């Protein structure tokens, strides 16, 4: 398992764990980041990632991406 920030562009992974406080976990879940769901990094721009999750592109900062562990 590695944090999402270490995934290369266009690589598809599966969300294995989401760490952080309950409010952070809830926020990510509301955005579509759910354990077991496939995720793809579309692009990495400075301190932000654009990812594809559940058929939707979402922009998140690297602080949040460090809480999403994939495998």
C-alpha atoms as a PDB file:
ATOM      1  CA  UNK A   1       0.000   0.000   0.000  1.00  0.00           C
ATOM      2  CA  UNK A   2       1.208   3.472  -0.912  1.00  0.00           C
ATOM      3  CA  UNK A   3      -0.338   6.937  -0.630  1.00  0.00           C
ATOM      4  CA  UNK A   4      -2.103   8.134  -3.764  1.00  0.00           C
ATOM      5  CA  UNK A   5       0.525  10.845  -4.320  1.00  0.00           C
ATOM      6  CA  UNK A   6       3.026   8.139  -5.359  1.00  0.00           C
ATOM      7  CA  UNK A   7       0.829   6.718  -8.148  1.00  0.00           C
ATOM      8  CA  UNK A   8       1.930   7.607 -11.674  1.00  0.00           C
ATOM      9  CA  UNK A   9      -0.340   9.327 -14.175  1.00  0.00           C
ATOM     10  CA  UNK A  10      -2.762   6.986 -16.014  1.00  0.00           C
ATOM     11  CA  UNK A  11      -2.116   4.157 -13.532  1.00  0.00           C
ATOM     12  CA  UNK A  12      -5.252   2.466 -12.180  1.00  0.00           C
ATOM     13  CA  UNK A  13      -5.177   1.388  -8.518  1.00  0.00           C
ATOM     14  CA  UNK A  14      -7.692   0.273  -5.919  1.00  0.00           C
ATOM     15  CA  UNK A  15      -8.403   2.247  -2.763  1.00  0.00           C
ATOM     16  CA  UNK A  16      -7.314   0.062   0.178  1.00  0.00           C
ATOM     17  CA  UNK A  17      -7.565   2.430   3.145  1.00  0.00           C
ATOM     18  CA  UNK A  18      -8.424   6.010   3.989  1.00  0.00           C
ATOM     19  CA  UNK A  19      -6.691   7.517   7.004  1.00  0.00           C
ATOM     20  CA  UNK A  20      -7.436  10.661   8.936  1.00  0.00           C
ATOM     21  CA  UNK A  21      -9.982  12.101  11.292  1.00  0.00           C
ATOM     22  CA  UNK A  22     -13.629  11.048  10.891  1.00  0.00           C
ATOM     23  CA  UNK A  23     -14.606  14.369   9.276  1.00  0.00           C
ATOM     24  CA  UNK A  24     -11.837  13.996   6.666  1.00  0.00           C
ATOM     25  CA  UNK A  25     -12.848  10.398   5.952  1.00  0.00           C
ATOM     26  CA  UNK A  26     -16.484  11.480   5.552  1.00  0.00           C
ATOM     27  CA  UNK A  27     -15.518  14.321   3.210  1.00  0.00           C
ATOM     28  CA  UNK A  28     -13.499  11.956   0.999  1.00  0.00           C
ATOM     29  CA  UNK A  29     -16.292   9.371   1.046  1.00  0.00           C
ATOM     30  CA  UNK A  30     -18.789  12.038  -0.038  1.00  0.00           C
ATOM     31  CA  UNK A  31     -16.476  12.846  -2.954  1.00  0.00           C
ATOM     32  CA  UNK A  32     -16.523   9.183  -4.065  1.00  0.00           C
ATOM     33  CA  UNK A  33     -13.340   7.874  -2.435  1.00  0.00           C
ATOM     34  CA  UNK A  34     -14.507   4.539  -1.019  1.00  0.00           C
ATOM     35  CA  UNK A  35     -12.419   1.511  -0.026  1.00  0.00           C
ATOM     36  CA  UNK A  36     -12.439  -1.076  -2.807  1.00  0.00           C
ATOM     37  CA  UNK A  37     -13.134   1.460  -5.541  1.00  0.00           C
ATOM     38  CA  UNK A  38     -10.778   1.758  -8.540  1.00  0.00           C
ATOM     39  CA  UNK A  39      -9.043   5.101  -8.939  1.00  0.00           C
ATOM     40  CA  UNK A  40      -6.829   6.594 -11.645  1.00  0.00           C
ATOM     41  CA  UNK A  41      -4.510   9.588 -11.429  1.00  0.00           C
ATOM     42  CA  UNK A  42      -5.261  11.700 -14.503  1.00  0.00           C
ATOM     43  CA  UNK A  43      -2.726  14.445 -13.859  1.00  0.00           C
ATOM     44  CA  UNK A  44      -0.481  15.856 -11.153  1.00  0.00           C
ATOM     45  CA  UNK A  45      -0.137  19.639 -11.155  1.00  0.00           C
ATOM     46  CA  UNK A  46       2.120  21.240  -8.501  1.00  0.00           C
ATOM     47  CA  UNK A  47       0.329  20.556  -5.190  1.00  0.00           C
ATOM     48  CA  UNK A  48      -2.847  19.090  -6.690  1.00  0.00           C
ATOM     49  CA  UNK A  49      -3.968  15.824  -8.255  1.00  0.00           C
ATOM     50  CA  UNK A  50      -6.742  15.285 -10.752  1.00  0.00           C
ATOM     51  CA  UNK A  51      -8.119  11.787 -10.315  1.00  0.00           C
ATOM     52  CA  UNK A  52     -10.860   9.745 -11.901  1.00  0.00           C
ATOM     53  CA  UNK A  53     -13.055   7.944  -9.384  1.00  0.00           C
ATOM     54  CA  UNK A  54     -16.489   6.446 -10.060  1.00  0.00           C
ATOM     55  CA  UNK A  55     -16.503   7.940 -13.562  1.00  0.00           C
ATOM     56  CA  UNK A  56     -15.932  11.493 -12.334  1.00  0.00           C
ATOM     57  CA  UNK A  57     -12.821  13.653 -12.363  1.00  0.00           C
ATOM     58  CA  UNK A  58     -12.049  15.216  -9.011  1.00  0.00           C
ATOM     59  CA  UNK A  59      -9.305  17.619  -8.006  1.00  0.00           C
ATOM     60  CA  UNK A  60      -7.722  17.147  -4.579  1.00  0.00           C
ATOM     61  CA  UNK A  61      -4.661  18.587  -2.905  1.00  0.00           C
ATOM     62  CA  UNK A  62      -1.697  16.429  -1.994  1.00  0.00           C
ATOM     63  CA  UNK A  63      -2.510  16.649   1.731  1.00  0.00           C
ATOM     64  CA  UNK A  64      -5.761  14.768   1.105  1.00  0.00           C
ATOM     65  CA  UNK A  65      -4.088  12.434  -1.397  1.00  0.00           C
ATOM     66  CA  UNK A  66      -1.613  11.413   1.329  1.00  0.00           C
ATOM     67  CA  UNK A  67      -4.560  10.061   3.354  1.00  0.00           C
ATOM     68  CA  UNK A  68      -5.740   7.760   0.521  1.00  0.00           C
ATOM     69  CA  UNK A  69      -3.809   4.500   0.379  1.00  0.00           C
ATOM     70  CA  UNK A  70      -3.967   2.362  -2.755  1.00  0.00           C
ATOM     71  CA  UNK A  71      -2.634  -1.002  -3.816  1.00  0.00           C
END
